Each structure stands twice: as structure tokens, then as C-alpha cells.
Protein backbone atom coordinates (compact mmCIF):
# COMPACT_ATOMS: atom_id res chain seq x y z
CA GLN A 1 102.36 166.36 229.93
CA VAL A 2 103.50 168.13 226.89
CA GLN A 3 101.20 170.31 224.57
CA LEU A 4 102.03 171.35 220.92
CA MET A 5 100.22 174.15 218.99
CA GLU A 6 100.63 174.50 215.27
CA ALA A 7 100.07 177.79 213.29
CA GLY A 8 100.64 179.16 209.89
CA GLY A 9 98.76 176.96 207.52
CA GLY A 10 96.79 178.17 204.60
CA LEU A 11 96.14 178.29 200.90
CA VAL A 12 99.03 179.49 198.74
CA PRO A 13 99.72 179.33 194.86
CA ALA A 14 102.40 177.05 193.50
CA GLY A 15 105.90 178.58 193.93
CA ASP A 16 105.04 180.49 197.11
CA SER A 17 106.52 180.04 200.58
CA LEU A 18 104.79 179.47 203.89
CA ARG A 19 106.23 179.30 207.45
CA LEU A 20 104.66 176.96 209.99
CA SER A 21 105.15 177.50 213.72
CA CYS A 22 104.85 174.90 216.53
CA THR A 23 105.00 175.99 220.20
CA VAL A 24 105.76 173.41 222.76
CA SER A 25 104.63 173.89 226.27
CA GLY A 26 104.13 171.67 229.57
CA ARG A 27 106.69 169.32 231.12
CA THR A 28 109.10 168.72 228.35
CA PRO A 29 111.94 166.06 228.73
CA GLY A 30 115.52 167.18 229.39
CA ASN A 31 116.34 166.62 225.85
CA TYR A 32 113.74 166.02 223.21
CA VAL A 33 113.18 166.02 219.56
CA THR A 34 110.50 168.16 217.77
CA GLY A 35 109.58 166.81 214.44
CA TRP A 36 107.23 168.02 211.59
CA PHE A 37 105.17 165.51 209.70
CA ARG A 38 102.65 165.73 206.94
CA GLN A 39 99.74 163.48 205.82
CA ALA A 40 97.93 163.95 202.60
CA PRO A 41 94.47 162.23 201.91
CA GLY A 42 95.03 158.50 201.33
CA ASN A 43 98.69 158.64 202.19
CA GLU A 44 100.62 157.63 205.19
CA ARG A 45 102.00 160.36 207.68
CA GLU A 46 105.55 161.10 206.57
CA PHE A 47 108.54 162.81 208.16
CA VAL A 48 109.45 166.26 206.93
CA ALA A 49 112.11 167.56 209.43
CA SER A 50 113.33 167.38 212.92
CA ILE A 51 115.39 169.40 215.48
CA THR A 52 116.77 168.47 218.78
CA TRP A 53 116.48 170.62 222.00
CA LEU A 54 120.09 170.21 222.94
CA GLY A 55 122.48 171.37 220.17
CA ASP A 56 119.59 172.11 217.48
CA THR A 57 120.66 169.16 215.42
CA THR A 58 118.42 168.97 212.30
CA HIS A 59 117.50 166.26 210.03
CA TYR A 60 115.54 166.07 206.77
CA PRO A 61 114.62 163.22 204.37
CA ASP A 62 116.31 163.41 201.07
CA SER A 63 113.11 164.48 199.34
CA GLY A 64 112.81 167.63 201.54
CA LYS A 65 116.29 168.83 201.44
CA GLY A 66 116.71 172.27 200.07
CA ARG A 67 113.13 173.43 200.26
CA PHE A 68 112.15 173.02 203.88
CA THR A 69 114.12 174.42 206.73
CA ILE A 70 113.35 173.64 210.37
CA PHE A 71 114.76 176.13 212.94
CA ARG A 72 114.21 177.50 216.46
CA ASP A 73 112.74 180.85 217.19
CA ASN A 74 115.52 183.16 218.47
CA ALA A 75 113.12 184.98 220.87
CA ASP A 76 111.14 182.07 222.13
CA LYS A 77 113.18 178.88 222.35
CA ASN A 78 110.00 176.76 222.80
CA THR A 79 108.76 177.74 219.27
CA ILE A 80 110.02 175.71 216.15
CA HIS A 81 109.48 176.94 212.77
CA LEU A 82 109.14 174.99 209.46
CA GLN A 83 110.05 177.32 206.48
CA MET A 84 108.72 175.86 203.24
CA ASP A 85 109.83 177.52 199.94
CA ASN A 86 108.94 176.79 196.35
CA LEU A 87 105.81 174.93 197.31
CA GLY A 88 104.00 172.63 194.80
CA PRO A 89 100.70 170.94 194.76
CA GLU A 90 102.36 167.83 196.04
CA ASP A 91 103.12 169.58 199.32
CA THR A 92 99.25 169.86 200.00
CA ALA A 93 98.58 168.06 203.35
CA VAL A 94 97.95 168.45 206.94
CA TYR A 95 101.10 169.23 208.77
CA TYR A 96 101.67 168.03 212.30
CA CYS A 97 104.11 168.99 215.00
CA ALA A 98 105.30 166.18 217.26
CA ALA A 99 107.73 165.82 220.28
CA THR A 100 109.35 162.93 222.02
CA SER A 101 112.25 162.33 224.24
CA TRP A 102 115.59 162.16 222.46
CA VAL A 103 116.98 158.63 222.38
CA ARG A 104 120.50 157.68 221.33
CA LEU A 105 119.71 155.36 218.44
CA GLY A 106 122.75 156.19 216.16
CA ARG A 107 120.13 157.53 213.65
CA PRO A 108 117.59 160.41 213.73
CA GLN A 109 114.03 159.63 215.06
CA THR A 110 111.91 159.91 211.88
CA ALA A 111 109.00 157.37 212.25
CA PRO A 112 105.67 158.67 213.54
CA ALA A 113 105.50 155.75 216.02
CA GLU A 114 108.72 157.11 217.76
CA TYR A 115 106.84 160.45 218.74
CA LYS A 116 104.80 160.60 221.88
CA TYR A 117 103.19 163.96 221.73
CA TRP A 118 101.34 165.46 218.71
CA GLY A 119 99.61 168.74 217.81
CA GLN A 120 96.27 168.97 216.11
CA GLY A 121 97.76 169.69 212.77
CA THR A 122 97.36 172.53 210.42
CA GLN A 123 96.21 172.33 206.75
CA VAL A 124 98.47 173.52 203.88
CA THR A 125 96.91 173.76 200.53
CA VAL A 126 98.90 174.65 197.41
CA SER A 127 97.17 175.59 194.20
CA SER A 128 98.46 174.83 190.75
């Protein structure tokens, strides 16, 4: 079983930055993908970023490029960070960390249904 624990959410004013962390523990697959998703009230859960265990290959949706950065902690390889810059009220949501075995699909794994393990989520609120 794989466990994920998010940290770093909070309330920030528009224009600020926030860094979320996700620590992965348990019996992880040989190669796996860690992704960040978010869900605002009334909206579907949407993909924010992902990174693979082998090679640290990252992927972002077009909407998140430039403001969000996913990266692995240098000291603790099991911790993934999501750096979020220039936040706006539209970024307000519960942010979830998720993980699943990497599958050779010829495309990144970005759908929530493709991820097997999920954290509890952390609230990010951006005030205008």
C-alpha cells in the first residue's frame, strides 16, 4: 500500500506564492508517477502537474505552464513539491497529491481515474 501526505496549503493574497509538499511512503512501484490535482467547489478534479520517479520527467497542462513547477526534494527523494507563483483567486481549490504506476502509454498520465493512490488534500485559498 502507498500513502501520500500533503502539506503547505493556506490562505494567501493574490500575487503571492505557495509551495505544497507531498511525501510518498509505503510499497511504491518500481517506477511511478506522482501528480498534483485540484478541485474547486462545483468543478471536476483537474490535472495540475506530474513527475515520474525514473528520470523526473515532468508534465503540465497548457494552462499551468509558467506559474506552477513540480520538482523532487533534493534531500528526500520521496517528497514532491509543487511551487505555485503569481497565484490568483481562480487557483483557490483543494489540492490533491496522487500516485500510480507509470504506464507506457505514449502520453502523460493526466486523468484522475488513472491514479490509484490519493492523499487527503490540502486547501489553498487565494484572496483578491
